[in-house]
C-alpha atoms as a PDB file:
ATOM      1  CA  UNK A   1      99.840 114.401 121.063  1.00  0.00           C
ATOM      2  CA  UNK A   2     101.422 115.488 117.860  1.00  0.00           C
ATOM      3  CA  UNK A   3     102.509 113.828 114.658  1.00  0.00           C
ATOM      4  CA  UNK A   4     105.632 115.996 114.697  1.00  0.00           C
ATOM      5  CA  UNK A   5     106.899 114.094 117.743  1.00  0.00           C
ATOM      6  CA  UNK A   6     106.097 110.779 116.060  1.00  0.00           C
ATOM      7  CA  UNK A   7     103.055 110.027 118.173  1.00  0.00           C
ATOM      8  CA  UNK A   8      99.902 108.969 116.312  1.00  0.00           C
ATOM      9  CA  UNK A   9      96.465 110.550 116.616  1.00  0.00           C
ATOM     10  CA  UNK A  10      94.146 107.714 117.606  1.00  0.00           C
ATOM     11  CA  UNK A  11      90.396 107.487 118.206  1.00  0.00           C
ATOM     12  CA  UNK A  12      88.140 104.596 119.065  1.00  0.00           C
ATOM     13  CA  UNK A  13      84.374 105.153 118.868  1.00  0.00           C
ATOM     14  CA  UNK A  14      81.583 102.933 120.206  1.00  0.00           C
ATOM     15  CA  UNK A  15      78.107 103.940 118.999  1.00  0.00           C
ATOM     16  CA  UNK A  16      74.800 102.386 120.046  1.00  0.00           C
ATOM     17  CA  UNK A  17      72.267 102.603 117.222  1.00  0.00           C
ATOM     18  CA  UNK A  18      68.660 101.638 118.162  1.00  0.00           C
ATOM     19  CA  UNK A  19      66.978  99.380 115.611  1.00  0.00           C
ATOM     20  CA  UNK A  20      63.633  98.940 117.366  1.00  0.00           C
ATOM     21  CA  UNK A  21      62.325  98.799 120.961  1.00  0.00           C
ATOM     22  CA  UNK A  22      64.222  95.559 121.737  1.00  0.00           C
ATOM     23  CA  UNK A  23      67.253  95.695 119.445  1.00  0.00           C
ATOM     24  CA  UNK A  24      70.354  97.879 119.356  1.00  0.00           C
ATOM     25  CA  UNK A  25      73.314  97.675 116.994  1.00  0.00           C
ATOM     26  CA  UNK A  26      76.810  98.387 118.289  1.00  0.00           C
ATOM     27  CA  UNK A  27      79.040 100.167 115.779  1.00  0.00           C
ATOM     28  CA  UNK A  28      82.774 100.309 116.439  1.00  0.00           C
ATOM     29  CA  UNK A  29      85.305 102.473 114.611  1.00  0.00           C
ATOM     30  CA  UNK A  30      89.057 102.667 115.164  1.00  0.00           C
ATOM     31  CA  UNK A  31      91.124 105.315 113.393  1.00  0.00           C
ATOM     32  CA  UNK A  32      94.788 106.240 113.569  1.00  0.00           C
ATOM     33  CA  UNK A  33      96.762 108.919 111.754  1.00  0.00           C
ATOM     34  CA  UNK A  34     100.525 108.593 111.715  1.00  0.00           C
ATOM     35  CA  UNK A  35     103.593 110.121 110.120  1.00  0.00           C
ATOM     36  CA  UNK A  36     104.170 109.380 106.433  1.00  0.00           C
ATOM     37  CA  UNK A  37     107.664 107.937 106.874  1.00  0.00           C
ATOM     38  CA  UNK A  38     109.104 104.485 107.613  1.00  0.00           C
ATOM     39  CA  UNK A  39     108.431 104.776 111.373  1.00  0.00           C
ATOM     40  CA  UNK A  40     104.778 105.673 110.769  1.00  0.00           C
ATOM     41  CA  UNK A  41     104.432 102.786 108.346  1.00  0.00           C
ATOM     42  CA  UNK A  42     105.949 100.377 110.870  1.00  0.00           C
ATOM     43  CA  UNK A  43     103.645 101.700 113.583  1.00  0.00           C
ATOM     44  CA  UNK A  44     100.626 101.294 111.310  1.00  0.00           C
ATOM     45  CA  UNK A  45     101.500  97.703 110.438  1.00  0.00           C
ATOM     46  CA  UNK A  46     101.999  96.910 114.134  1.00  0.00           C
ATOM     47  CA  UNK A  47      98.918  98.768 115.377  1.00  0.00           C
ATOM     48  CA  UNK A  48      96.430  97.155 112.991  1.00  0.00           C
ATOM     49  CA  UNK A  49      96.665  93.519 114.193  1.00  0.00           C
ATOM     50  CA  UNK A  50      97.030  94.593 117.827  1.00  0.00           C
ATOM     51  CA  UNK A  51      93.930  96.801 117.691  1.00  0.00           C
ATOM     52  CA  UNK A  52      92.035  93.965 115.960  1.00  0.00           C
ATOM     53  CA  UNK A  53      92.858  91.553 118.796  1.00  0.00           C
ATOM     54  CA  UNK A  54      91.936  94.085 121.492  1.00  0.00           C
ATOM     55  CA  UNK A  55      88.699  95.023 119.730  1.00  0.00           C
ATOM     56  CA  UNK A  56      87.708  91.376 119.234  1.00  0.00           C
ATOM     57  CA  UNK A  57      88.192  90.627 122.923  1.00  0.00           C
ATOM     58  CA  UNK A  58      86.169  93.723 123.927  1.00  0.00           C
ATOM     59  CA  UNK A  59      83.310  92.839 121.576  1.00  0.00           C
ATOM     60  CA  UNK A  60      83.128  89.244 122.831  1.00  0.00           C
ATOM     61  CA  UNK A  61      82.954  90.519 126.417  1.00  0.00           C
ATOM     62  CA  UNK A  62      80.352  93.194 125.577  1.00  0.00           C
ATOM     63  CA  UNK A  63      78.202  90.527 123.915  1.00  0.00           C
ATOM     64  CA  UNK A  64      78.554  88.182 126.898  1.00  0.00           C
ATOM     65  CA  UNK A  65      77.528  90.942 129.306  1.00  0.00           C
ATOM     66  CA  UNK A  66      74.640  92.155 127.119  1.00  0.00           C
ATOM     67  CA  UNK A  67      73.224  88.656 126.795  1.00  0.00           C
ATOM     68  CA  UNK A  68      73.199  88.283 130.603  1.00  0.00           C
ATOM     69  CA  UNK A  69      70.860  91.238 131.029  1.00  0.00           C
ATOM     70  CA  UNK A  70      67.226  90.401 131.835  1.00  0.00           C
ATOM     71  CA  UNK A  71      64.858  90.946 128.934  1.00  0.00           C
END
């Protein structure tokens, strides 16, 4: 996808970082690059709250599933 056509470059990363033998930290990073005009600004302001809501729901579900695993 290209910024020239008005489409953003987007990435979402989920990284598992071991803390010790029984603990792992989940790191999440969302990034988006968009055009530097009014349409890109509008897209950015729309994408931020939407991605927050999606990410929150995913993290709640990941936690629920992880806590169901046998220790």
